[in-house]
Amino acid sequence: MNEFRVEREQELMAFLMEKHPQTSRSRIKSWLVNGNITVDGEHISQYNYPLHPGMTVCVEKSGAYLSQWMSIVYEDRYLMVVEKKEGILTHSLTLNEPSLQNILNDYMLFTHQKCHAHVVHRLDRDTSGLLIFTKDKKVELLFEKDWKGRVFDRRYVAVLSGQMQKEGTIESWIRYEDDGRFTCSAEDNGGKYAVTHYRTLKTTNRYSLVEFKLDTGRKNQIRIHSKVMGHPVVGDFRYNNYDDPIGRLGLHAYKLCFYHPITNKKLMFETPFPEKFMELFGR
């Protein structure tokens, strides 16, 4: 952690640029947006925040600032596996919006790694769980060229409204419209074929805890198939489910298993189900 004492009246952005003369303005702005900056122990994102003599400004390094949005589960010279928290994008096109990719790029900078984070696959902003990032484009392309061959088990857990049947499979064609709507059909409608396997783990009178395993990775696949089955994911405002007992989208990518693209070693990762999910079912 870099710690600085404020000696005169100054705005935060000007102070940070003065202390980091070799760092671009856009990079410092990303530190503010991503929660890397604290003033007297409080995270500050306001670039014109007024500083006064005697204040302490910290630029958090390594894993310290990661904890707000993610934790690093595994890291080697080629790739990283991280656990994403809900509420942040996997990837954004600018430094102005927080994303895991931007945060990891800052992490690489702070830890003096001469590389950048490359997105292998994505989770929706409000979905939590396990993700892979690579440290160069060549390794990313190895995943891209043989995703199904390398990733042999990927599972989600979700809280759904209503009581689901014990287990089953749903197959459909999902057609995405430009305005964000979709049509889902048992017959080929010109969309993308999607297969979702599900297994109900726990139920109450109002909710079901369900494990999902995907044969295909279509956009919003679990959310769409759950809605089509009449048991949408809780808190899924995008698909008109305003039943929100846990204050977030009830979807978490809890298991991720793959063959390392360089060493071919079998890597298997699993995270606990979120506490908020389990509280609905009495643990």
C-alpha atoms as a PDB file:
ATOM      1  CA  MET A   1       0.000   0.000   0.000  1.00  0.00           C
ATOM      2  CA  ASN A   2       1.312   3.474  -0.901  1.00  0.00           C
ATOM      3  CA  GLU A   3       0.456   5.964   1.846  1.00  0.00           C
ATOM      4  CA  PHE A   4       0.752   9.747   1.505  1.00  0.00           C
ATOM      5  CA  ARG A   5       0.293  12.593   3.982  1.00  0.00           C
ATOM      6  CA  VAL A   6      -1.555  15.679   2.734  1.00  0.00           C
ATOM      7  CA  GLU A   7       0.430  18.867   3.345  1.00  0.00           C
ATOM      8  CA  ARG A   8      -1.750  21.528   1.686  1.00  0.00           C
ATOM      9  CA  GLU A   9      -5.295  22.179   0.475  1.00  0.00           C
ATOM     10  CA  GLN A  10      -5.754  20.279  -2.799  1.00  0.00           C
ATOM     11  CA  GLU A  11      -8.283  18.271  -4.808  1.00  0.00           C
ATOM     12  CA  LEU A  12      -7.785  14.502  -4.778  1.00  0.00           C
ATOM     13  CA  MET A  13      -7.126  14.050  -8.521  1.00  0.00           C
ATOM     14  CA  ALA A  14      -4.438  16.739  -8.576  1.00  0.00           C
ATOM     15  CA  PHE A  15      -2.858  15.207  -5.469  1.00  0.00           C
ATOM     16  CA  LEU A  16      -2.742  11.725  -7.000  1.00  0.00           C
ATOM     17  CA  MET A  17      -1.290  12.975 -10.287  1.00  0.00           C
ATOM     18  CA  GLU A  18       1.380  14.846  -8.358  1.00  0.00           C
ATOM     19  CA  LYS A  19       2.308  11.706  -6.423  1.00  0.00           C
ATOM     20  CA  HIS A  20       2.217   9.467  -9.547  1.00  0.00           C
ATOM     21  CA  PRO A  21       3.738  11.606 -12.329  1.00  0.00           C
ATOM     22  CA  GLN A  22       4.379   8.591 -14.579  1.00  0.00           C
ATOM     23  CA  THR A  23       0.740   7.428 -14.452  1.00  0.00           C
ATOM     24  CA  SER A  24      -1.892   8.635 -16.942  1.00  0.00           C
ATOM     25  CA  ARG A  25      -4.946  10.610 -15.849  1.00  0.00           C
ATOM     26  CA  SER A  26      -7.281   7.890 -17.165  1.00  0.00           C
ATOM     27  CA  ARG A  27      -5.457   5.227 -15.139  1.00  0.00           C
ATOM     28  CA  ILE A  28      -5.732   7.275 -11.949  1.00  0.00           C
ATOM     29  CA  LYS A  29      -9.412   7.844 -12.699  1.00  0.00           C
ATOM     30  CA  SER A  30      -9.850   4.074 -12.921  1.00  0.00           C
ATOM     31  CA  TRP A  31      -8.277   3.745  -9.449  1.00  0.00           C
ATOM     32  CA  LEU A  32     -10.930   6.100  -8.106  1.00  0.00           C
ATOM     33  CA  VAL A  33     -13.774   4.317  -9.884  1.00  0.00           C
ATOM     34  CA  ASN A  34     -12.586   0.848  -8.868  1.00  0.00           C
ATOM     35  CA  GLY A  35     -12.257   1.693  -5.177  1.00  0.00           C
ATOM     36  CA  ASN A  36      -8.452   1.650  -4.912  1.00  0.00           C
ATOM     37  CA  ILE A  37      -8.214   5.028  -3.161  1.00  0.00           C
ATOM     38  CA  THR A  38      -8.934   5.734   0.500  1.00  0.00           C
ATOM     39  CA  VAL A  39      -8.802   9.009   2.387  1.00  0.00           C
ATOM     40  CA  ASP A  40      -8.480   8.580   6.157  1.00  0.00           C
ATOM     41  CA  GLY A  41      -9.614   4.974   5.719  1.00  0.00           C
ATOM     42  CA  GLU A  42     -12.716   5.734   3.626  1.00  0.00           C
ATOM     43  CA  HIS A  43     -12.983   4.681  -0.040  1.00  0.00           C
ATOM     44  CA  ILE A  44     -13.352   7.805  -2.191  1.00  0.00           C
ATOM     45  CA  SER A  45     -14.295   7.866  -5.903  1.00  0.00           C
ATOM     46  CA  GLN A  46     -14.897  11.635  -6.259  1.00  0.00           C
ATOM     47  CA  TYR A  47     -12.036  13.071  -8.328  1.00  0.00           C
ATOM     48  CA  ASN A  48     -12.468  16.612  -6.918  1.00  0.00           C
ATOM     49  CA  TYR A  49     -12.753  15.479  -3.306  1.00  0.00           C
ATOM     50  CA  PRO A  50     -11.218  18.259  -1.161  1.00  0.00           C
ATOM     51  CA  LEU A  51      -8.107  17.345   0.796  1.00  0.00           C
ATOM     52  CA  HIS A  52      -6.888  19.170   3.886  1.00  0.00           C
ATOM     53  CA  PRO A  53      -3.514  19.131   5.653  1.00  0.00           C
ATOM     54  CA  GLY A  54      -3.114  16.151   7.954  1.00  0.00           C
ATOM     55  CA  MET A  55      -5.290  13.773   5.914  1.00  0.00           C
ATOM     56  CA  THR A  56      -3.855  10.409   4.805  1.00  0.00           C
ATOM     57  CA  VAL A  57      -4.365   9.162   1.238  1.00  0.00           C
ATOM     58  CA  CYS A  58      -3.732   5.488   0.443  1.00  0.00           C
ATOM     59  CA  VAL A  59      -3.449   3.726  -2.898  1.00  0.00           C
ATOM     60  CA  GLU A  60      -4.201   0.112  -2.085  1.00  0.00           C
ATOM     61  CA  LYS A  61      -2.046  -2.558  -3.702  1.00  0.00           C
ATOM     62  CA  SER A  62      -2.249  -6.228  -4.572  1.00  0.00           C
ATOM     63  CA  GLY A  63      -5.184  -8.137  -3.142  1.00  0.00           C
ATOM     64  CA  ALA A  64      -6.271  -5.469  -0.688  1.00  0.00           C
ATOM     65  CA  TYR A  65      -8.463  -3.544  -3.097  1.00  0.00           C
ATOM     66  CA  LEU A  66      -9.613  -6.653  -4.932  1.00  0.00           C
ATOM     67  CA  SER A  67     -11.755  -7.725  -1.998  1.00  0.00           C
ATOM     68  CA  GLN A  68     -14.443  -5.136  -2.742  1.00  0.00           C
ATOM     69  CA  TRP A  69     -15.359  -6.779  -6.048  1.00  0.00           C
ATOM     70  CA  MET A  70     -13.489 -10.083  -6.287  1.00  0.00           C
ATOM     71  CA  SER A  71     -11.063 -12.509  -4.721  1.00  0.00           C
ATOM     72  CA  ILE A  72      -8.239 -14.319  -6.480  1.00  0.00           C
ATOM     73  CA  VAL A  73      -8.786 -18.073  -6.236  1.00  0.00           C
ATOM     74  CA  TYR A  74      -5.804 -19.197  -8.344  1.00  0.00           C
ATOM     75  CA  GLU A  75      -2.946 -17.478 -10.167  1.00  0.00           C
ATOM     76  CA  ASP A  76       0.060 -18.600 -12.198  1.00  0.00           C
ATOM     77  CA  ARG A  77       2.158 -17.007 -14.941  1.00  0.00           C
ATOM     78  CA  TYR A  78      -0.464 -17.760 -17.603  1.00  0.00           C
ATOM     79  CA  LEU A  79      -3.907 -17.212 -16.079  1.00  0.00           C
ATOM     80  CA  MET A  80      -6.037 -16.337 -13.063  1.00  0.00           C
ATOM     81  CA  VAL A  81      -9.274 -17.718 -11.628  1.00  0.00           C
ATOM     82  CA  VAL A  82     -11.245 -15.120  -9.686  1.00  0.00           C
ATOM     83  CA  GLU A  83     -14.502 -15.128  -7.759  1.00  0.00           C
ATOM     84  CA  LYS A  84     -16.606 -12.174  -8.887  1.00  0.00           C
ATOM     85  CA  LYS A  85     -19.038 -10.429  -6.588  1.00  0.00           C
ATOM     86  CA  GLU A  86     -22.416  -9.269  -7.857  1.00  0.00           C
ATOM     87  CA  GLY A  87     -22.815  -5.695  -9.095  1.00  0.00           C
ATOM     88  CA  ILE A  88     -19.799  -5.288 -11.385  1.00  0.00           C
ATOM     89  CA  LEU A  89     -19.181  -5.913 -15.083  1.00  0.00           C
ATOM     90  CA  THR A  90     -16.703  -8.536 -16.248  1.00  0.00           C
ATOM     91  CA  HIS A  91     -15.520  -6.212 -19.010  1.00  0.00           C
ATOM     92  CA  SER A  92     -16.199  -2.604 -20.010  1.00  0.00           C
ATOM     93  CA  LEU A  93     -15.105  -0.595 -23.031  1.00  0.00           C
ATOM     94  CA  THR A  94     -13.778   2.340 -20.986  1.00  0.00           C
ATOM     95  CA  LEU A  95     -11.778   2.959 -17.823  1.00  0.00           C
ATOM     96  CA  ASN A  96     -14.634   5.108 -16.512  1.00  0.00           C
ATOM     97  CA  GLU A  97     -16.852   2.155 -15.581  1.00  0.00           C
ATOM     98  CA  PRO A  98     -15.707  -0.410 -13.014  1.00  0.00           C
ATOM     99  CA  SER A  99     -14.994  -3.876 -14.384  1.00  0.00           C
ATOM    100  CA  LEU A 100     -13.022  -6.899 -13.268  1.00  0.00           C
ATOM    101  CA  GLN A 101     -10.735  -6.535 -16.265  1.00  0.00           C
ATOM    102  CA  ASN A 102      -9.832  -2.948 -15.331  1.00  0.00           C
ATOM    103  CA  ILE A 103      -9.248  -3.911 -11.692  1.00  0.00           C
ATOM    104  CA  LEU A 104      -7.021  -6.837 -12.681  1.00  0.00           C
ATOM    105  CA  ASN A 105      -5.028  -4.626 -15.042  1.00  0.00           C
ATOM    106  CA  ASP A 106      -4.333  -2.340 -12.096  1.00  0.00           C
ATOM    107  CA  TYR A 107      -3.400  -5.379 -10.010  1.00  0.00           C
ATOM    108  CA  MET A 108      -0.881  -6.410 -12.684  1.00  0.00           C
ATOM    109  CA  LEU A 109       0.570  -2.904 -12.627  1.00  0.00           C
ATOM    110  CA  PHE A 110       0.863  -2.809  -8.821  1.00  0.00           C
ATOM    111  CA  THR A 111       2.500  -6.237  -8.694  1.00  0.00           C
ATOM    112  CA  HIS A 112       4.948  -5.337 -11.484  1.00  0.00           C
ATOM    113  CA  GLN A 113       3.681  -7.953 -13.916  1.00  0.00           C
ATOM    114  CA  LYS A 114       4.278  -6.995 -17.536  1.00  0.00           C
ATOM    115  CA  CYS A 115       0.957  -8.271 -18.832  1.00  0.00           C
ATOM    116  CA  HIS A 116      -2.735  -7.464 -19.146  1.00  0.00           C
ATOM    117  CA  ALA A 117      -5.901  -9.311 -18.165  1.00  0.00           C
ATOM    118  CA  HIS A 118      -7.733 -10.956 -21.079  1.00  0.00           C
ATOM    119  CA  VAL A 119     -11.380 -11.968 -20.761  1.00  0.00           C
ATOM    120  CA  VAL A 120     -12.024 -15.659 -21.477  1.00  0.00           C
ATOM    121  CA  HIS A 121     -15.733 -15.760 -20.585  1.00  0.00           C
ATOM    122  CA  ARG A 122     -18.209 -13.446 -18.866  1.00  0.00           C
ATOM    123  CA  LEU A 123     -20.785 -13.305 -16.111  1.00  0.00           C
ATOM    124  CA  ASP A 124     -23.626 -10.781 -16.107  1.00  0.00           C
ATOM    125  CA  ARG A 125     -23.159  -7.720 -13.917  1.00  0.00           C
ATOM    126  CA  ASP A 126     -25.505  -9.033 -11.216  1.00  0.00           C
ATOM    127  CA  THR A 127     -24.299 -12.652 -11.300  1.00  0.00           C
ATOM    128  CA  SER A 128     -21.509 -13.710  -8.933  1.00  0.00           C
ATOM    129  CA  GLY A 129     -19.065 -16.575  -9.224  1.00  0.00           C
ATOM    130  CA  LEU A 130     -15.967 -18.046 -10.852  1.00  0.00           C
ATOM    131  CA  LEU A 131     -14.281 -16.645 -13.954  1.00  0.00           C
ATOM    132  CA  ILE A 132     -11.063 -17.229 -15.906  1.00  0.00           C
ATOM    133  CA  PHE A 133      -8.776 -14.425 -17.101  1.00  0.00           C
ATOM    134  CA  THR A 134      -5.565 -15.034 -19.022  1.00  0.00           C
ATOM    135  CA  LYS A 135      -2.412 -12.928 -18.951  1.00  0.00           C
ATOM    136  CA  ASP A 136      -1.832 -12.841 -22.699  1.00  0.00           C
ATOM    137  CA  LYS A 137      -3.788 -13.143 -25.927  1.00  0.00           C
ATOM    138  CA  LYS A 138      -2.223 -16.448 -26.992  1.00  0.00           C
ATOM    139  CA  VAL A 139      -3.503 -18.275 -23.908  1.00  0.00           C
ATOM    140  CA  GLU A 140      -6.927 -16.675 -24.321  1.00  0.00           C
ATOM    141  CA  LEU A 141      -7.072 -18.001 -27.900  1.00  0.00           C
ATOM    142  CA  LEU A 142      -6.272 -21.525 -26.701  1.00  0.00           C
ATOM    143  CA  PHE A 143      -9.463 -21.415 -24.630  1.00  0.00           C
ATOM    144  CA  GLU A 144     -11.404 -19.823 -27.470  1.00  0.00           C
ATOM    145  CA  LYS A 145     -10.367 -22.472 -30.004  1.00  0.00           C
ATOM    146  CA  ASP A 146     -11.343 -25.427 -27.795  1.00  0.00           C
ATOM    147  CA  TRP A 147     -13.652 -24.180 -25.035  1.00  0.00           C
ATOM    148  CA  LYS A 148     -15.719 -27.366 -24.830  1.00  0.00           C
ATOM    149  CA  GLY A 149     -12.625 -29.562 -24.861  1.00  0.00           C
ATOM    150  CA  ARG A 150     -10.880 -27.613 -22.113  1.00  0.00           C
ATOM    151  CA  VAL A 151     -13.756 -26.708 -19.777  1.00  0.00           C
ATOM    152  CA  PHE A 152     -15.270 -30.003 -18.645  1.00  0.00           C
ATOM    153  CA  ASP A 153     -17.561 -28.915 -15.803  1.00  0.00           C
ATOM    154  CA  ARG A 154     -19.199 -25.551 -15.136  1.00  0.00           C
ATOM    155  CA  ARG A 155     -22.170 -25.266 -12.785  1.00  0.00           C
ATOM    156  CA  TYR A 156     -24.389 -22.591 -11.316  1.00  0.00           C
ATOM    157  CA  VAL A 157     -26.706 -22.422  -8.347  1.00  0.00           C
ATOM    158  CA  ALA A 158     -29.829 -20.256  -8.431  1.00  0.00           C
ATOM    159  CA  VAL A 159     -32.738 -19.270  -6.229  1.00  0.00           C
ATOM    160  CA  LEU A 160     -35.966 -19.506  -8.220  1.00  0.00           C
ATOM    161  CA  SER A 161     -39.464 -18.324  -7.396  1.00  0.00           C
ATOM    162  CA  GLY A 162     -41.890 -21.175  -6.713  1.00  0.00           C
ATOM    163  CA  GLN A 163     -41.389 -24.915  -6.259  1.00  0.00           C
ATOM    164  CA  MET A 164     -39.443 -26.575  -9.056  1.00  0.00           C
ATOM    165  CA  GLN A 165     -39.749 -30.228 -10.020  1.00  0.00           C
ATOM    166  CA  LYS A 166     -36.823 -32.370  -8.901  1.00  0.00           C
ATOM    167  CA  GLU A 167     -34.704 -32.478 -12.064  1.00  0.00           C
ATOM    168  CA  GLY A 168     -34.850 -32.329 -15.824  1.00  0.00           C
ATOM    169  CA  THR A 169     -33.519 -30.786 -19.037  1.00  0.00           C
ATOM    170  CA  ILE A 170     -34.838 -27.936 -21.145  1.00  0.00           C
ATOM    171  CA  GLU A 171     -33.880 -27.586 -24.802  1.00  0.00           C
ATOM    172  CA  SER A 172     -34.890 -24.662 -26.967  1.00  0.00           C
ATOM    173  CA  TRP A 173     -33.855 -22.150 -29.584  1.00  0.00           C
ATOM    174  CA  ILE A 174     -33.377 -18.662 -28.163  1.00  0.00           C
ATOM    175  CA  ARG A 175     -33.694 -15.758 -30.543  1.00  0.00           C
ATOM    176  CA  TYR A 176     -32.411 -12.405 -29.280  1.00  0.00           C
ATOM    177  CA  GLU A 177     -33.944  -9.170 -30.569  1.00  0.00           C
ATOM    178  CA  ASP A 178     -32.145  -5.823 -30.886  1.00  0.00           C
ATOM    179  CA  ASP A 179     -34.422  -4.221 -28.276  1.00  0.00           C
ATOM    180  CA  GLY A 180     -33.399  -6.733 -25.594  1.00  0.00           C
ATOM    181  CA  ARG A 181     -36.431  -9.003 -25.936  1.00  0.00           C
ATOM    182  CA  PHE A 182     -36.166 -12.683 -26.766  1.00  0.00           C
ATOM    183  CA  THR A 183     -38.285 -15.492 -28.137  1.00  0.00           C
ATOM    184  CA  CYS A 184     -37.789 -19.048 -26.945  1.00  0.00           C
ATOM    185  CA  SER A 185     -39.111 -21.951 -29.014  1.00  0.00           C
ATOM    186  CA  ALA A 186     -38.992 -25.749 -28.950  1.00  0.00           C
ATOM    187  CA  GLU A 187     -38.610 -25.545 -32.736  1.00  0.00           C
ATOM    188  CA  ASP A 188     -35.835 -23.832 -34.693  1.00  0.00           C
ATOM    189  CA  ASN A 189     -36.830 -20.163 -34.857  1.00  0.00           C
ATOM    190  CA  GLY A 190     -33.596 -18.938 -36.374  1.00  0.00           C
ATOM    191  CA  GLY A 191     -32.074 -18.389 -32.939  1.00  0.00           C
ATOM    192  CA  LYS A 192     -29.360 -20.213 -31.004  1.00  0.00           C
ATOM    193  CA  TYR A 193     -29.824 -23.752 -29.720  1.00  0.00           C
ATOM    194  CA  ALA A 194     -29.572 -23.965 -25.923  1.00  0.00           C
ATOM    195  CA  VAL A 195     -29.545 -26.929 -23.526  1.00  0.00           C
ATOM    196  CA  THR A 196     -29.857 -26.553 -19.742  1.00  0.00           C
ATOM    197  CA  HIS A 197     -29.823 -29.391 -17.198  1.00  0.00           C
ATOM    198  CA  TYR A 198     -31.238 -28.659 -13.734  1.00  0.00           C
ATOM    199  CA  ARG A 199     -31.466 -30.401 -10.366  1.00  0.00           C
ATOM    200  CA  THR A 200     -33.494 -29.111  -7.424  1.00  0.00           C
ATOM    201  CA  LEU A 201     -31.512 -29.162  -4.175  1.00  0.00           C
ATOM    202  CA  LYS A 202     -33.904 -27.562  -1.656  1.00  0.00           C
ATOM    203  CA  THR A 203     -37.404 -26.078  -1.642  1.00  0.00           C
ATOM    204  CA  THR A 204     -39.702 -24.052   0.582  1.00  0.00           C
ATOM    205  CA  ASN A 205     -43.299 -23.054  -0.038  1.00  0.00           C
ATOM    206  CA  ARG A 206     -42.074 -20.047  -2.021  1.00  0.00           C
ATOM    207  CA  TYR A 207     -38.579 -20.775  -3.373  1.00  0.00           C
ATOM    208  CA  SER A 208     -36.330 -23.439  -4.880  1.00  0.00           C
ATOM    209  CA  LEU A 209     -32.557 -23.798  -4.735  1.00  0.00           C
ATOM    210  CA  VAL A 210     -31.534 -25.277  -8.084  1.00  0.00           C
ATOM    211  CA  GLU A 211     -28.236 -26.429  -9.599  1.00  0.00           C
ATOM    212  CA  PHE A 212     -27.741 -25.797 -13.322  1.00  0.00           C
ATOM    213  CA  LYS A 213     -25.306 -27.378 -15.755  1.00  0.00           C
ATOM    214  CA  LEU A 214     -25.101 -25.999 -19.292  1.00  0.00           C
ATOM    215  CA  ASP A 215     -24.328 -27.827 -22.518  1.00  0.00           C
ATOM    216  CA  THR A 216     -24.321 -24.446 -24.281  1.00  0.00           C
ATOM    217  CA  GLY A 217     -23.392 -20.982 -23.071  1.00  0.00           C
ATOM    218  CA  ARG A 218     -25.985 -18.629 -24.535  1.00  0.00           C
ATOM    219  CA  LYS A 219     -26.522 -15.106 -23.271  1.00  0.00           C
ATOM    220  CA  ASN A 220     -28.759 -15.149 -20.147  1.00  0.00           C
ATOM    221  CA  GLN A 221     -29.463 -18.840 -20.815  1.00  0.00           C
ATOM    222  CA  ILE A 222     -30.316 -19.847 -17.235  1.00  0.00           C
ATOM    223  CA  ARG A 223     -32.377 -16.712 -16.672  1.00  0.00           C
ATOM    224  CA  ILE A 224     -34.370 -17.230 -19.866  1.00  0.00           C
ATOM    225  CA  HIS A 225     -34.934 -20.964 -19.381  1.00  0.00           C
ATOM    226  CA  SER A 226     -35.984 -20.424 -15.764  1.00  0.00           C
ATOM    227  CA  LYS A 227     -38.535 -17.839 -16.869  1.00  0.00           C
ATOM    228  CA  VAL A 228     -39.832 -20.129 -19.629  1.00  0.00           C
ATOM    229  CA  MET A 229     -40.299 -22.936 -17.064  1.00  0.00           C
ATOM    230  CA  GLY A 230     -42.423 -20.585 -14.958  1.00  0.00           C
ATOM    231  CA  HIS A 231     -39.876 -20.269 -12.135  1.00  0.00           C
ATOM    232  CA  PRO A 232     -37.749 -17.176 -12.834  1.00  0.00           C
ATOM    233  CA  VAL A 233     -34.572 -16.336 -10.957  1.00  0.00           C
ATOM    234  CA  VAL A 234     -35.390 -14.142  -7.948  1.00  0.00           C
ATOM    235  CA  GLY A 235     -34.485 -10.478  -8.319  1.00  0.00           C
ATOM    236  CA  ASP A 236     -34.352 -10.784 -12.113  1.00  0.00           C
ATOM    237  CA  PHE A 237     -35.848  -7.403 -12.951  1.00  0.00           C
ATOM    238  CA  ARG A 238     -34.660  -7.659 -16.546  1.00  0.00           C
ATOM    239  CA  TYR A 239     -37.062 -10.552 -17.097  1.00  0.00           C
ATOM    240  CA  ASN A 240     -39.840  -9.018 -14.987  1.00  0.00           C
ATOM    241  CA  ASN A 241     -39.412 -10.961 -11.760  1.00  0.00           C
ATOM    242  CA  TYR A 242     -39.711  -8.404  -8.958  1.00  0.00           C
ATOM    243  CA  ASP A 243     -39.752 -11.070  -6.258  1.00  0.00           C
ATOM    244  CA  ASP A 244     -36.529  -9.995  -4.540  1.00  0.00           C
ATOM    245  CA  PRO A 245     -36.074 -11.726  -1.144  1.00  0.00           C
ATOM    246  CA  ILE A 246     -32.263 -11.481  -1.033  1.00  0.00           C
ATOM    247  CA  GLY A 247     -31.667  -8.010  -2.490  1.00  0.00           C
ATOM    248  CA  ARG A 248     -29.767  -9.274  -5.533  1.00  0.00           C
ATOM    249  CA  LEU A 249     -30.065 -11.534  -8.559  1.00  0.00           C
ATOM    250  CA  GLY A 250     -30.193 -15.110  -7.262  1.00  0.00           C
ATOM    251  CA  LEU A 251     -27.559 -16.603  -9.581  1.00  0.00           C
ATOM    252  CA  HIS A 252     -24.014 -17.753  -8.735  1.00  0.00           C
ATOM    253  CA  ALA A 253     -21.408 -19.636 -10.818  1.00  0.00           C
ATOM    254  CA  TYR A 254     -20.116 -21.929  -8.093  1.00  0.00           C
ATOM    255  CA  LYS A 255     -18.081 -24.589  -9.925  1.00  0.00           C
ATOM    256  CA  LEU A 256     -15.449 -24.340 -12.676  1.00  0.00           C
ATOM    257  CA  CYS A 257     -13.243 -27.210 -13.883  1.00  0.00           C
ATOM    258  CA  PHE A 258     -10.876 -27.114 -16.851  1.00  0.00           C
ATOM    259  CA  TYR A 259      -7.626 -28.398 -18.329  1.00  0.00           C
ATOM    260  CA  HIS A 260      -4.829 -25.831 -18.137  1.00  0.00           C
ATOM    261  CA  PRO A 261      -4.152 -24.651 -21.714  1.00  0.00           C
ATOM    262  CA  ILE A 262      -0.363 -24.771 -21.270  1.00  0.00           C
ATOM    263  CA  THR A 263       0.338 -27.558 -18.773  1.00  0.00           C
ATOM    264  CA  ASN A 264      -2.842 -29.579 -19.471  1.00  0.00           C
ATOM    265  CA  LYS A 265      -3.163 -30.041 -15.706  1.00  0.00           C
ATOM    266  CA  LYS A 266      -6.716 -30.679 -14.475  1.00  0.00           C
ATOM    267  CA  LEU A 267      -7.834 -27.694 -12.363  1.00  0.00           C
ATOM    268  CA  MET A 268     -11.050 -27.812 -10.310  1.00  0.00           C
ATOM    269  CA  PHE A 269     -12.514 -24.936  -8.321  1.00  0.00           C
ATOM    270  CA  GLU A 270     -15.648 -24.685  -6.228  1.00  0.00           C
ATOM    271  CA  THR A 271     -17.011 -21.888  -4.021  1.00  0.00           C
ATOM    272  CA  PRO A 272     -19.607 -22.104  -1.224  1.00  0.00           C
ATOM    273  CA  PHE A 273     -23.156 -21.125  -2.084  1.00  0.00           C
ATOM    274  CA  PRO A 274     -23.777 -17.478  -1.112  1.00  0.00           C
ATOM    275  CA  GLU A 275     -24.990 -17.027   2.471  1.00  0.00           C
ATOM    276  CA  LYS A 276     -28.008 -15.023   1.320  1.00  0.00           C
ATOM    277  CA  PHE A 277     -29.130 -17.974  -0.813  1.00  0.00           C
ATOM    278  CA  MET A 278     -28.862 -20.450   2.036  1.00  0.00           C
ATOM    279  CA  GLU A 279     -30.632 -18.251   4.593  1.00  0.00           C
ATOM    280  CA  LEU A 280     -33.863 -18.661   2.603  1.00  0.00           C
ATOM    281  CA  PHE A 281     -33.672 -22.432   3.147  1.00  0.00           C
ATOM    282  CA  GLY A 282     -32.671 -22.455   6.824  1.00  0.00           C
ATOM    283  CA  ARG A 283     -29.107 -23.401   5.904  1.00  0.00           C
END
